[in-house]
Amino acid sequence: MAGKHEFLHFKKDAFIYFPNDTADHIYMIAHGRVKIGHYLDDGKEVISSILTGGEIFGELALAGETSRRDFAQVMDDNTSICPLSIEELKQLMYGDKELSFKILKLVGLRLMKLERKLELLVFKDARTRIIEFLKDAASWKGQKVGFETMIPTKLTHKDIASLTGTSRQTVTSVLNELKEKNLIYFDRKKILVRDLENLS
């Protein structure tokens, strides 16, 4: 793809698309981070996901979405994005069954994560939502280091609060509590879960 497509470069806080924009492309992140979200009637921002290099977004256009229902905003300077028109992707999928399967699997995983997030928001308290976020992040992007699981992340406490429907103060309180109990360790670049099965 790199040899055939022009990459777009964005600065921090730039928008790739807004709600109601025409949905005729999907996007792959080559470098940097992008947050996907929407606005409530009162103007409050709700973040549904934060994506990093190698991930795609805007894929609902494949399912018939004609105009965007959310926004995509860059989180880091020097973010590189590869846009791919829906027609181009359909042609690629038509000639590559493995690619078609992986795209369908990705969409299915996104739907499962969204359903799980909605379930947590409705039925679980703030502390449980934060802990379940850590478990999901560990299973999605975690790297095993002996018995521990390392989650490489640049997420701030504010980012985690947005993703879990809590406040930054609550996230800080819960993470510090887990750290004091030696269940996790964290700094600005990673979160280390001591024992994933016993994290509670």
N, C-alpha and C. Protein backbone atom coordinates (compact mmCIF):
# COMPACT_ATOMS: atom_id res chain seq x y z
N MET A 1 0.83 -1.21 0.00
CA MET A 1 0.00 0.00 0.00
C MET A 1 0.86 1.26 0.00
N ALA A 2 2.01 1.19 0.68
CA ALA A 2 2.83 2.39 0.82
C ALA A 2 3.29 2.92 -0.53
N GLY A 3 3.53 2.02 -1.48
CA GLY A 3 4.02 2.46 -2.78
C GLY A 3 2.94 3.01 -3.69
N LYS A 4 1.68 2.74 -3.35
CA LYS A 4 0.58 3.13 -4.23
C LYS A 4 -0.29 4.25 -3.68
N HIS A 5 -0.13 4.57 -2.42
CA HIS A 5 -1.02 5.55 -1.81
C HIS A 5 -0.24 6.68 -1.15
N GLU A 6 -0.82 7.84 -1.22
CA GLU A 6 -0.22 9.01 -0.59
C GLU A 6 -0.61 9.07 0.88
N PHE A 7 0.37 9.27 1.73
CA PHE A 7 0.10 9.36 3.16
C PHE A 7 -0.20 10.82 3.54
N LEU A 8 -1.14 10.97 4.45
CA LEU A 8 -1.48 12.29 4.96
C LEU A 8 -0.78 12.51 6.30
N HIS A 9 -0.33 13.72 6.54
CA HIS A 9 0.40 14.03 7.77
C HIS A 9 -0.35 15.11 8.54
N PHE A 10 -0.51 14.87 9.83
CA PHE A 10 -1.31 15.77 10.66
C PHE A 10 -0.54 16.21 11.89
N LYS A 11 -0.88 17.39 12.37
CA LYS A 11 -0.36 17.87 13.64
C LYS A 11 -1.35 17.51 14.75
N LYS A 12 -0.88 17.58 15.98
CA LYS A 12 -1.71 17.27 17.14
C LYS A 12 -2.98 18.12 17.14
N ASP A 13 -4.10 17.49 17.47
CA ASP A 13 -5.43 18.10 17.61
C ASP A 13 -6.14 18.35 16.29
N ALA A 14 -5.49 18.05 15.17
CA ALA A 14 -6.16 18.22 13.87
C ALA A 14 -7.25 17.16 13.72
N PHE A 15 -8.34 17.52 13.03
CA PHE A 15 -9.42 16.58 12.78
C PHE A 15 -9.26 15.95 11.39
N ILE A 16 -9.46 14.64 11.34
CA ILE A 16 -9.41 13.92 10.06
C ILE A 16 -10.79 13.95 9.42
N TYR A 17 -11.81 13.79 10.24
CA TYR A 17 -13.17 14.01 9.76
C TYR A 17 -14.07 14.38 10.94
N PHE A 18 -15.23 14.96 10.59
CA PHE A 18 -16.20 15.42 11.58
C PHE A 18 -17.51 14.64 11.39
N PRO A 19 -18.40 14.69 12.39
CA PRO A 19 -19.75 14.12 12.19
C PRO A 19 -20.42 14.77 10.97
N ASN A 20 -21.12 13.94 10.23
CA ASN A 20 -21.85 14.34 9.01
C ASN A 20 -20.97 14.48 7.78
N ASP A 21 -19.64 14.33 7.91
CA ASP A 21 -18.80 14.28 6.72
C ASP A 21 -19.13 13.03 5.91
N THR A 22 -18.90 13.08 4.61
CA THR A 22 -19.13 11.93 3.75
C THR A 22 -18.21 10.78 4.13
N ALA A 23 -18.77 9.59 4.24
CA ALA A 23 -18.00 8.40 4.62
C ALA A 23 -17.66 7.60 3.37
N ASP A 24 -16.53 7.94 2.73
CA ASP A 24 -16.15 7.25 1.51
C ASP A 24 -14.72 6.70 1.56
N HIS A 25 -14.10 6.78 2.74
CA HIS A 25 -12.75 6.24 2.91
C HIS A 25 -12.65 5.50 4.25
N ILE A 26 -11.72 4.58 4.32
CA ILE A 26 -11.26 4.09 5.61
C ILE A 26 -9.81 4.54 5.74
N TYR A 27 -9.27 4.50 6.95
CA TYR A 27 -7.95 5.06 7.19
C TYR A 27 -7.11 4.08 8.01
N MET A 28 -5.85 3.99 7.65
CA MET A 28 -4.90 3.19 8.43
C MET A 28 -3.88 4.13 9.05
N ILE A 29 -3.60 3.90 10.34
CA ILE A 29 -2.62 4.73 11.05
C ILE A 29 -1.24 4.14 10.84
N ALA A 30 -0.36 4.91 10.20
CA ALA A 30 1.02 4.47 10.02
C ALA A 30 1.86 4.83 11.24
N HIS A 31 1.58 6.01 11.79
CA HIS A 31 2.34 6.47 12.96
C HIS A 31 1.50 7.47 13.73
N GLY A 32 1.55 7.37 15.06
CA GLY A 32 0.80 8.31 15.90
C GLY A 32 -0.46 7.69 16.47
N ARG A 33 -1.31 8.54 17.06
CA ARG A 33 -2.55 8.08 17.68
C ARG A 33 -3.73 8.93 17.21
N VAL A 34 -4.89 8.30 17.17
CA VAL A 34 -6.12 8.97 16.76
C VAL A 34 -7.23 8.58 17.73
N LYS A 35 -8.00 9.56 18.17
CA LYS A 35 -9.15 9.24 19.02
C LYS A 35 -10.44 9.38 18.22
N ILE A 36 -11.35 8.45 18.48
CA ILE A 36 -12.65 8.42 17.83
C ILE A 36 -13.71 8.72 18.88
N GLY A 37 -14.63 9.63 18.57
CA GLY A 37 -15.65 9.97 19.56
C GLY A 37 -16.80 10.72 18.93
N HIS A 38 -17.69 11.17 19.79
CA HIS A 38 -18.83 11.97 19.33
C HIS A 38 -19.17 12.99 20.40
N TYR A 39 -20.07 13.89 20.07
CA TYR A 39 -20.48 14.94 21.00
C TYR A 39 -21.93 14.73 21.42
N LEU A 40 -22.19 14.92 22.71
CA LEU A 40 -23.56 14.89 23.22
C LEU A 40 -24.25 16.21 22.90
N ASP A 41 -25.54 16.26 23.13
CA ASP A 41 -26.31 17.48 22.83
C ASP A 41 -25.80 18.69 23.61
N ASP A 42 -25.25 18.44 24.81
CA ASP A 42 -24.75 19.56 25.61
C ASP A 42 -23.31 19.94 25.25
N GLY A 43 -22.77 19.28 24.20
CA GLY A 43 -21.42 19.60 23.75
C GLY A 43 -20.33 18.77 24.39
N LYS A 44 -20.68 17.90 25.33
CA LYS A 44 -19.68 17.08 25.99
C LYS A 44 -19.09 16.06 25.02
N GLU A 45 -17.78 15.89 25.10
CA GLU A 45 -17.08 14.94 24.24
C GLU A 45 -17.08 13.55 24.86
N VAL A 46 -17.45 12.55 24.08
CA VAL A 46 -17.44 11.16 24.53
C VAL A 46 -16.48 10.38 23.62
N ILE A 47 -15.45 9.78 24.21
CA ILE A 47 -14.44 9.05 23.45
C ILE A 47 -14.81 7.57 23.42
N SER A 48 -14.89 7.00 22.23
CA SER A 48 -15.20 5.57 22.11
C SER A 48 -13.95 4.72 21.99
N SER A 49 -12.89 5.26 21.39
CA SER A 49 -11.65 4.48 21.27
C SER A 49 -10.47 5.40 20.98
N ILE A 50 -9.29 4.92 21.35
CA ILE A 50 -8.04 5.58 21.01
C ILE A 50 -7.19 4.56 20.29
N LEU A 51 -6.82 4.86 19.05
CA LEU A 51 -6.16 3.90 18.17
C LEU A 51 -4.71 4.32 17.91
N THR A 52 -3.86 3.32 17.62
CA THR A 52 -2.44 3.58 17.41
C THR A 52 -2.00 2.96 16.08
N GLY A 53 -0.69 3.01 15.83
CA GLY A 53 -0.12 2.54 14.57
C GLY A 53 -0.54 1.12 14.21
N GLY A 54 -0.91 0.93 12.93
CA GLY A 54 -1.31 -0.37 12.44
C GLY A 54 -2.80 -0.62 12.51
N GLU A 55 -3.54 0.26 13.20
CA GLU A 55 -4.99 0.08 13.32
C GLU A 55 -5.71 0.92 12.26
N ILE A 56 -6.93 0.49 11.94
CA ILE A 56 -7.73 1.22 10.96
C ILE A 56 -8.97 1.80 11.63
N PHE A 57 -9.54 2.81 11.00
CA PHE A 57 -10.78 3.40 11.50
C PHE A 57 -11.60 3.91 10.32
N GLY A 58 -12.85 4.24 10.59
CA GLY A 58 -13.75 4.64 9.52
C GLY A 58 -14.33 3.46 8.78
N GLU A 59 -14.17 2.24 9.36
CA GLU A 59 -14.54 1.02 8.65
C GLU A 59 -16.04 0.82 8.51
N LEU A 60 -16.85 1.62 9.25
CA LEU A 60 -18.30 1.48 9.11
C LEU A 60 -18.79 1.88 7.71
N ALA A 61 -17.94 2.60 6.97
CA ALA A 61 -18.29 2.92 5.58
C ALA A 61 -18.46 1.65 4.76
N LEU A 62 -17.75 0.60 5.16
CA LEU A 62 -17.89 -0.69 4.47
C LEU A 62 -19.26 -1.32 4.72
N ALA A 63 -19.86 -0.96 5.85
CA ALA A 63 -21.15 -1.55 6.22
C ALA A 63 -22.33 -0.69 5.76
N GLY A 64 -22.04 0.32 4.95
CA GLY A 64 -23.12 1.12 4.39
C GLY A 64 -23.27 2.50 4.99
N GLU A 65 -22.40 2.87 5.93
CA GLU A 65 -22.46 4.22 6.49
C GLU A 65 -22.14 5.24 5.39
N THR A 66 -23.02 6.20 5.17
CA THR A 66 -22.80 7.20 4.12
C THR A 66 -22.28 8.52 4.66
N SER A 67 -22.57 8.83 5.92
CA SER A 67 -22.04 10.03 6.55
C SER A 67 -21.57 9.68 7.96
N ARG A 68 -20.53 10.32 8.39
CA ARG A 68 -19.92 9.99 9.68
C ARG A 68 -20.84 10.35 10.84
N ARG A 69 -20.87 9.45 11.82
CA ARG A 69 -21.62 9.72 13.05
C ARG A 69 -20.69 10.15 14.18
N ASP A 70 -19.39 10.04 13.94
CA ASP A 70 -18.42 10.39 14.97
C ASP A 70 -17.34 11.29 14.36
N PHE A 71 -16.35 11.62 15.16
CA PHE A 71 -15.21 12.40 14.67
C PHE A 71 -13.94 11.60 14.87
N ALA A 72 -12.92 11.94 14.12
CA ALA A 72 -11.59 11.34 14.28
C ALA A 72 -10.60 12.49 14.44
N GLN A 73 -9.89 12.50 15.58
CA GLN A 73 -8.98 13.60 15.89
C GLN A 73 -7.60 13.07 16.24
N VAL A 74 -6.58 13.73 15.72
CA VAL A 74 -5.19 13.33 15.93
C VAL A 74 -4.76 13.71 17.35
N MET A 75 -3.97 12.83 17.99
CA MET A 75 -3.53 13.07 19.35
C MET A 75 -2.04 13.40 19.45
N ASP A 76 -1.27 13.11 18.40
CA ASP A 76 0.17 13.33 18.43
C ASP A 76 0.62 14.14 17.22
N ASP A 77 1.68 14.92 17.38
CA ASP A 77 2.30 15.58 16.23
C ASP A 77 2.92 14.53 15.31
N ASN A 78 3.07 14.88 14.05
CA ASN A 78 3.69 14.02 13.04
C ASN A 78 2.95 12.68 12.88
N THR A 79 1.63 12.73 13.01
CA THR A 79 0.83 11.53 12.78
C THR A 79 0.65 11.31 11.28
N SER A 80 0.89 10.07 10.84
CA SER A 80 0.77 9.73 9.41
C SER A 80 -0.41 8.78 9.22
N ILE A 81 -1.26 9.10 8.26
CA ILE A 81 -2.47 8.33 7.98
C ILE A 81 -2.49 7.95 6.50
N CYS A 82 -2.85 6.71 6.22
CA CYS A 82 -3.02 6.28 4.83
C CYS A 82 -4.51 6.13 4.54
N PRO A 83 -5.08 7.01 3.69
CA PRO A 83 -6.49 6.88 3.34
C PRO A 83 -6.67 5.87 2.20
N LEU A 84 -7.77 5.16 2.24
CA LEU A 84 -8.07 4.17 1.21
C LEU A 84 -9.56 4.27 0.89
N SER A 85 -9.88 4.52 -0.38
CA SER A 85 -11.28 4.66 -0.73
C SER A 85 -12.00 3.32 -0.59
N ILE A 86 -13.29 3.37 -0.36
CA ILE A 86 -14.07 2.15 -0.20
C ILE A 86 -14.00 1.29 -1.46
N GLU A 87 -14.03 1.90 -2.61
CA GLU A 87 -13.94 1.14 -3.86
C GLU A 87 -12.61 0.43 -3.98
N GLU A 88 -11.53 1.12 -3.60
CA GLU A 88 -10.21 0.48 -3.63
C GLU A 88 -10.16 -0.72 -2.69
N LEU A 89 -10.71 -0.53 -1.49
CA LEU A 89 -10.69 -1.62 -0.52
C LEU A 89 -11.53 -2.80 -0.99
N LYS A 90 -12.68 -2.52 -1.58
CA LYS A 90 -13.53 -3.60 -2.09
C LYS A 90 -12.80 -4.41 -3.15
N GLN A 91 -12.06 -3.73 -4.01
CA GLN A 91 -11.29 -4.44 -5.04
C GLN A 91 -10.21 -5.31 -4.41
N LEU A 92 -9.54 -4.78 -3.38
CA LEU A 92 -8.52 -5.56 -2.69
C LEU A 92 -9.13 -6.78 -2.01
N MET A 93 -10.29 -6.59 -1.37
CA MET A 93 -10.96 -7.69 -0.68
C MET A 93 -11.47 -8.74 -1.66
N TYR A 94 -11.91 -8.28 -2.83
CA TYR A 94 -12.43 -9.21 -3.84
C TYR A 94 -11.34 -10.17 -4.30
N GLY A 95 -10.11 -9.67 -4.39
CA GLY A 95 -9.02 -10.52 -4.88
C GLY A 95 -8.21 -11.17 -3.78
N ASP A 96 -8.58 -10.95 -2.51
CA ASP A 96 -7.79 -11.49 -1.40
C ASP A 96 -8.74 -11.94 -0.29
N LYS A 97 -9.03 -13.23 -0.25
CA LYS A 97 -9.97 -13.76 0.73
C LYS A 97 -9.45 -13.59 2.16
N GLU A 98 -8.13 -13.71 2.33
CA GLU A 98 -7.56 -13.57 3.68
C GLU A 98 -7.77 -12.14 4.19
N LEU A 99 -7.57 -11.16 3.31
CA LEU A 99 -7.81 -9.77 3.70
C LEU A 99 -9.27 -9.55 4.06
N SER A 100 -10.17 -10.13 3.27
CA SER A 100 -11.61 -10.00 3.55
C SER A 100 -11.94 -10.56 4.92
N PHE A 101 -11.37 -11.72 5.23
CA PHE A 101 -11.62 -12.34 6.53
C PHE A 101 -11.10 -11.47 7.67
N LYS A 102 -9.91 -10.90 7.50
CA LYS A 102 -9.32 -10.08 8.56
C LYS A 102 -10.11 -8.79 8.78
N ILE A 103 -10.60 -8.19 7.69
CA ILE A 103 -11.41 -6.98 7.83
C ILE A 103 -12.70 -7.29 8.58
N LEU A 104 -13.35 -8.39 8.21
CA LEU A 104 -14.59 -8.80 8.89
C LEU A 104 -14.32 -9.10 10.37
N LYS A 105 -13.21 -9.75 10.63
CA LYS A 105 -12.85 -10.07 12.01
C LYS A 105 -12.62 -8.80 12.81
N LEU A 106 -11.95 -7.81 12.20
CA LEU A 106 -11.69 -6.55 12.88
C LEU A 106 -12.99 -5.84 13.23
N VAL A 107 -13.91 -5.78 12.26
CA VAL A 107 -15.20 -5.12 12.50
C VAL A 107 -15.95 -5.84 13.62
N GLY A 108 -15.90 -7.18 13.60
CA GLY A 108 -16.57 -7.95 14.64
C GLY A 108 -15.98 -7.70 16.02
N LEU A 109 -14.65 -7.61 16.10
CA LEU A 109 -13.99 -7.33 17.38
C LEU A 109 -14.36 -5.95 17.89
N ARG A 110 -14.44 -4.96 16.98
CA ARG A 110 -14.82 -3.62 17.39
C ARG A 110 -16.23 -3.61 17.96
N LEU A 111 -17.14 -4.34 17.33
CA LEU A 111 -18.52 -4.41 17.82
C LEU A 111 -18.58 -5.07 19.19
N MET A 112 -17.78 -6.14 19.37
CA MET A 112 -17.75 -6.83 20.67
C MET A 112 -17.23 -5.90 21.75
N LYS A 113 -16.19 -5.12 21.44
CA LYS A 113 -15.63 -4.18 22.42
C LYS A 113 -16.64 -3.09 22.77
N LEU A 114 -17.38 -2.62 21.75
CA LEU A 114 -18.38 -1.59 21.99
C LEU A 114 -19.51 -2.12 22.87
N GLU A 115 -19.96 -3.34 22.60
CA GLU A 115 -21.01 -3.95 23.41
C GLU A 115 -20.55 -4.12 24.86
N ARG A 116 -19.29 -4.54 25.02
CA ARG A 116 -18.75 -4.73 26.38
C ARG A 116 -18.66 -3.39 27.10
N LYS A 117 -18.24 -2.35 26.38
CA LYS A 117 -18.13 -1.03 27.00
C LYS A 117 -19.50 -0.54 27.44
N LEU A 118 -20.51 -0.72 26.61
CA LEU A 118 -21.87 -0.30 26.98
C LEU A 118 -22.37 -1.06 28.20
N GLU A 119 -22.07 -2.35 28.24
CA GLU A 119 -22.48 -3.18 29.39
C GLU A 119 -21.83 -2.68 30.67
N LEU A 120 -20.53 -2.35 30.60
CA LEU A 120 -19.83 -1.86 31.78
C LEU A 120 -20.37 -0.52 32.23
N LEU A 121 -20.67 0.37 31.27
CA LEU A 121 -21.19 1.70 31.61
C LEU A 121 -22.54 1.62 32.31
N VAL A 122 -23.36 0.65 31.90
CA VAL A 122 -24.72 0.54 32.43
C VAL A 122 -24.73 -0.19 33.77
N PHE A 123 -23.94 -1.26 33.89
CA PHE A 123 -24.11 -2.16 35.03
C PHE A 123 -22.97 -2.13 36.06
N LYS A 124 -21.85 -1.49 35.76
CA LYS A 124 -20.70 -1.57 36.68
C LYS A 124 -20.36 -0.20 37.25
N ASP A 125 -19.76 -0.22 38.47
CA ASP A 125 -19.35 1.04 39.08
C ASP A 125 -18.03 1.51 38.47
N ALA A 126 -17.61 2.72 38.84
CA ALA A 126 -16.45 3.34 38.22
C ALA A 126 -15.18 2.51 38.43
N ARG A 127 -14.96 2.02 39.65
CA ARG A 127 -13.74 1.25 39.94
C ARG A 127 -13.69 0.01 39.07
N THR A 128 -14.81 -0.70 38.95
CA THR A 128 -14.85 -1.92 38.14
C THR A 128 -14.59 -1.60 36.67
N ARG A 129 -15.13 -0.49 36.19
CA ARG A 129 -14.92 -0.12 34.79
C ARG A 129 -13.44 0.14 34.49
N ILE A 130 -12.75 0.77 35.43
CA ILE A 130 -11.33 1.05 35.25
C ILE A 130 -10.51 -0.24 35.26
N ILE A 131 -10.83 -1.14 36.17
CA ILE A 131 -10.12 -2.41 36.24
C ILE A 131 -10.39 -3.25 34.99
N GLU A 132 -11.63 -3.27 34.53
CA GLU A 132 -11.95 -4.01 33.31
C GLU A 132 -11.26 -3.39 32.10
N PHE A 133 -11.11 -2.08 32.11
CA PHE A 133 -10.35 -1.44 31.03
C PHE A 133 -8.92 -1.94 31.00
N LEU A 134 -8.29 -2.05 32.18
CA LEU A 134 -6.91 -2.55 32.26
C LEU A 134 -6.83 -3.99 31.75
N LYS A 135 -7.82 -4.81 32.12
CA LYS A 135 -7.82 -6.21 31.66
C LYS A 135 -8.00 -6.29 30.15
N ASP A 136 -8.90 -5.48 29.62
CA ASP A 136 -9.12 -5.48 28.17
C ASP A 136 -7.88 -4.99 27.43
N ALA A 137 -7.24 -3.94 27.95
CA ALA A 137 -6.03 -3.42 27.32
C ALA A 137 -4.91 -4.45 27.36
N ALA A 138 -4.85 -5.21 28.46
CA ALA A 138 -3.82 -6.25 28.58
C ALA A 138 -4.03 -7.36 27.57
N SER A 139 -5.29 -7.76 27.37
CA SER A 139 -5.58 -8.83 26.42
C SER A 139 -5.44 -8.36 24.98
N TRP A 140 -5.68 -7.06 24.75
CA TRP A 140 -5.65 -6.51 23.39
C TRP A 140 -4.22 -6.16 22.97
N LYS A 141 -3.45 -5.53 23.87
CA LYS A 141 -2.12 -5.04 23.49
C LYS A 141 -1.02 -5.42 24.48
N GLY A 142 -1.36 -6.21 25.50
CA GLY A 142 -0.39 -6.54 26.52
C GLY A 142 0.71 -7.47 26.03
N GLN A 143 1.87 -7.34 26.66
CA GLN A 143 3.02 -8.19 26.35
C GLN A 143 3.43 -8.92 27.63
N LYS A 144 3.54 -10.24 27.55
CA LYS A 144 3.90 -11.03 28.72
C LYS A 144 5.37 -10.81 29.08
N VAL A 145 5.60 -10.53 30.36
CA VAL A 145 6.95 -10.39 30.89
C VAL A 145 7.02 -11.29 32.13
N GLY A 146 7.37 -12.55 31.93
CA GLY A 146 7.30 -13.53 33.01
C GLY A 146 5.85 -13.75 33.38
N PHE A 147 5.54 -13.57 34.67
CA PHE A 147 4.15 -13.71 35.13
C PHE A 147 3.37 -12.40 35.01
N GLU A 148 4.07 -11.34 34.65
CA GLU A 148 3.45 -10.02 34.57
C GLU A 148 3.05 -9.70 33.13
N THR A 149 2.18 -8.70 33.00
CA THR A 149 1.73 -8.24 31.67
C THR A 149 2.01 -6.76 31.55
N MET A 150 2.78 -6.40 30.52
CA MET A 150 3.13 -5.00 30.30
C MET A 150 2.27 -4.43 29.18
N ILE A 151 1.60 -3.31 29.49
CA ILE A 151 0.76 -2.62 28.51
C ILE A 151 1.47 -1.34 28.11
N PRO A 152 2.06 -1.30 26.91
CA PRO A 152 2.67 -0.04 26.47
C PRO A 152 1.58 0.96 26.13
N THR A 153 1.64 2.14 26.71
CA THR A 153 0.57 3.11 26.48
C THR A 153 1.05 4.52 26.75
N LYS A 154 0.51 5.46 25.98
CA LYS A 154 0.75 6.88 26.22
C LYS A 154 -0.50 7.53 26.79
N LEU A 155 -1.48 6.73 27.18
CA LEU A 155 -2.73 7.28 27.68
C LEU A 155 -2.53 8.02 28.99
N THR A 156 -3.10 9.19 29.08
CA THR A 156 -3.11 9.93 30.34
C THR A 156 -4.29 9.47 31.19
N HIS A 157 -4.30 9.89 32.44
CA HIS A 157 -5.44 9.56 33.31
C HIS A 157 -6.72 10.16 32.74
N LYS A 158 -6.60 11.32 32.10
CA LYS A 158 -7.77 11.94 31.48
C LYS A 158 -8.28 11.09 30.32
N ASP A 159 -7.36 10.51 29.52
CA ASP A 159 -7.75 9.64 28.41
C ASP A 159 -8.50 8.41 28.93
N ILE A 160 -7.96 7.79 29.98
CA ILE A 160 -8.60 6.60 30.54
C ILE A 160 -9.97 6.95 31.10
N ALA A 161 -10.07 8.13 31.72
CA ALA A 161 -11.37 8.58 32.24
C ALA A 161 -12.39 8.71 31.11
N SER A 162 -11.96 9.28 29.98
CA SER A 162 -12.86 9.44 28.84
C SER A 162 -13.32 8.08 28.30
N LEU A 163 -12.41 7.12 28.28
CA LEU A 163 -12.73 5.80 27.73
C LEU A 163 -13.59 4.96 28.67
N THR A 164 -13.58 5.29 29.96
CA THR A 164 -14.31 4.48 30.94
C THR A 164 -15.53 5.21 31.51
N GLY A 165 -15.78 6.42 31.06
CA GLY A 165 -16.93 7.16 31.56
C GLY A 165 -16.79 7.54 33.02
N THR A 166 -15.57 7.85 33.44
CA THR A 166 -15.31 8.25 34.82
C THR A 166 -14.62 9.61 34.82
N SER A 167 -14.13 10.04 35.98
CA SER A 167 -13.40 11.30 36.06
C SER A 167 -11.91 11.03 36.18
N ARG A 168 -11.11 12.05 35.85
CA ARG A 168 -9.65 11.90 35.97
C ARG A 168 -9.25 11.63 37.42
N GLN A 169 -9.94 12.29 38.36
CA GLN A 169 -9.63 12.09 39.77
C GLN A 169 -9.90 10.64 40.20
N THR A 170 -10.99 10.07 39.68
CA THR A 170 -11.32 8.68 40.02
C THR A 170 -10.28 7.72 39.47
N VAL A 171 -9.87 7.96 38.23
CA VAL A 171 -8.84 7.11 37.61
C VAL A 171 -7.55 7.17 38.43
N THR A 172 -7.12 8.38 38.78
CA THR A 172 -5.91 8.54 39.58
C THR A 172 -6.02 7.81 40.91
N SER A 173 -7.17 7.94 41.56
CA SER A 173 -7.38 7.30 42.86
C SER A 173 -7.32 5.78 42.75
N VAL A 174 -8.00 5.21 41.75
CA VAL A 174 -8.05 3.76 41.59
C VAL A 174 -6.67 3.21 41.21
N LEU A 175 -5.97 3.87 40.28
CA LEU A 175 -4.65 3.40 39.88
C LEU A 175 -3.66 3.46 41.04
N ASN A 176 -3.72 4.53 41.82
CA ASN A 176 -2.82 4.65 42.97
C ASN A 176 -3.13 3.57 44.02
N GLU A 177 -4.41 3.27 44.20
CA GLU A 177 -4.80 2.21 45.14
C GLU A 177 -4.24 0.87 44.69
N LEU A 178 -4.39 0.57 43.39
CA LEU A 178 -3.88 -0.70 42.86
C LEU A 178 -2.36 -0.77 42.95
N LYS A 179 -1.71 0.40 42.77
CA LYS A 179 -0.25 0.45 42.87
C LYS A 179 0.21 0.21 44.31
N GLU A 180 -0.50 0.81 45.27
CA GLU A 180 -0.15 0.63 46.69
C GLU A 180 -0.31 -0.83 47.11
N LYS A 181 -1.28 -1.53 46.49
CA LYS A 181 -1.49 -2.96 46.80
C LYS A 181 -0.55 -3.86 46.00
N ASN A 182 0.36 -3.25 45.21
CA ASN A 182 1.32 -3.95 44.37
C ASN A 182 0.63 -4.85 43.33
N LEU A 183 -0.55 -4.42 42.89
CA LEU A 183 -1.24 -5.15 41.83
C LEU A 183 -0.82 -4.64 40.46
N ILE A 184 -0.41 -3.37 40.39
CA ILE A 184 0.08 -2.80 39.15
C ILE A 184 1.23 -1.86 39.45
N TYR A 185 1.96 -1.51 38.40
CA TYR A 185 2.94 -0.42 38.44
C TYR A 185 2.71 0.39 37.16
N PHE A 186 2.85 1.69 37.22
CA PHE A 186 2.65 2.48 36.01
C PHE A 186 3.56 3.70 36.00
N ASP A 187 3.90 4.13 34.78
CA ASP A 187 4.55 5.41 34.57
C ASP A 187 3.97 6.00 33.29
N ARG A 188 4.63 6.96 32.68
CA ARG A 188 4.05 7.66 31.53
C ARG A 188 4.06 6.83 30.25
N LYS A 189 4.82 5.74 30.24
CA LYS A 189 4.95 4.95 29.01
C LYS A 189 4.34 3.56 29.09
N LYS A 190 4.00 3.11 30.29
CA LYS A 190 3.50 1.74 30.40
C LYS A 190 2.71 1.53 31.68
N ILE A 191 1.90 0.47 31.65
CA ILE A 191 1.23 -0.03 32.85
C ILE A 191 1.61 -1.50 32.97
N LEU A 192 2.13 -1.88 34.12
CA LEU A 192 2.55 -3.26 34.36
C LEU A 192 1.59 -3.91 35.33
N VAL A 193 0.89 -4.95 34.85
CA VAL A 193 -0.05 -5.69 35.70
C VAL A 193 0.69 -6.88 36.30
N ARG A 194 0.76 -6.92 37.62
CA ARG A 194 1.54 -7.98 38.29
C ARG A 194 0.96 -9.37 38.02
N ASP A 195 -0.34 -9.52 38.23
CA ASP A 195 -1.00 -10.82 38.05
C ASP A 195 -2.39 -10.56 37.48
N LEU A 196 -2.53 -10.77 36.18
CA LEU A 196 -3.77 -10.39 35.49
C LEU A 196 -4.98 -11.12 36.05
N GLU A 197 -4.82 -12.40 36.39
CA GLU A 197 -5.95 -13.19 36.86
C GLU A 197 -6.46 -12.71 38.21
N ASN A 198 -5.60 -12.14 39.02
CA ASN A 198 -5.99 -11.70 40.36
C ASN A 198 -6.18 -10.20 40.48
N LEU A 199 -6.23 -9.50 39.33
CA LEU A 199 -6.44 -8.06 39.36
C LEU A 199 -7.90 -7.77 39.68
N SER A 200 -8.15 -7.15 40.81
CA SER A 200 -9.53 -6.84 41.20
C SER A 200 -9.53 -5.70 42.21
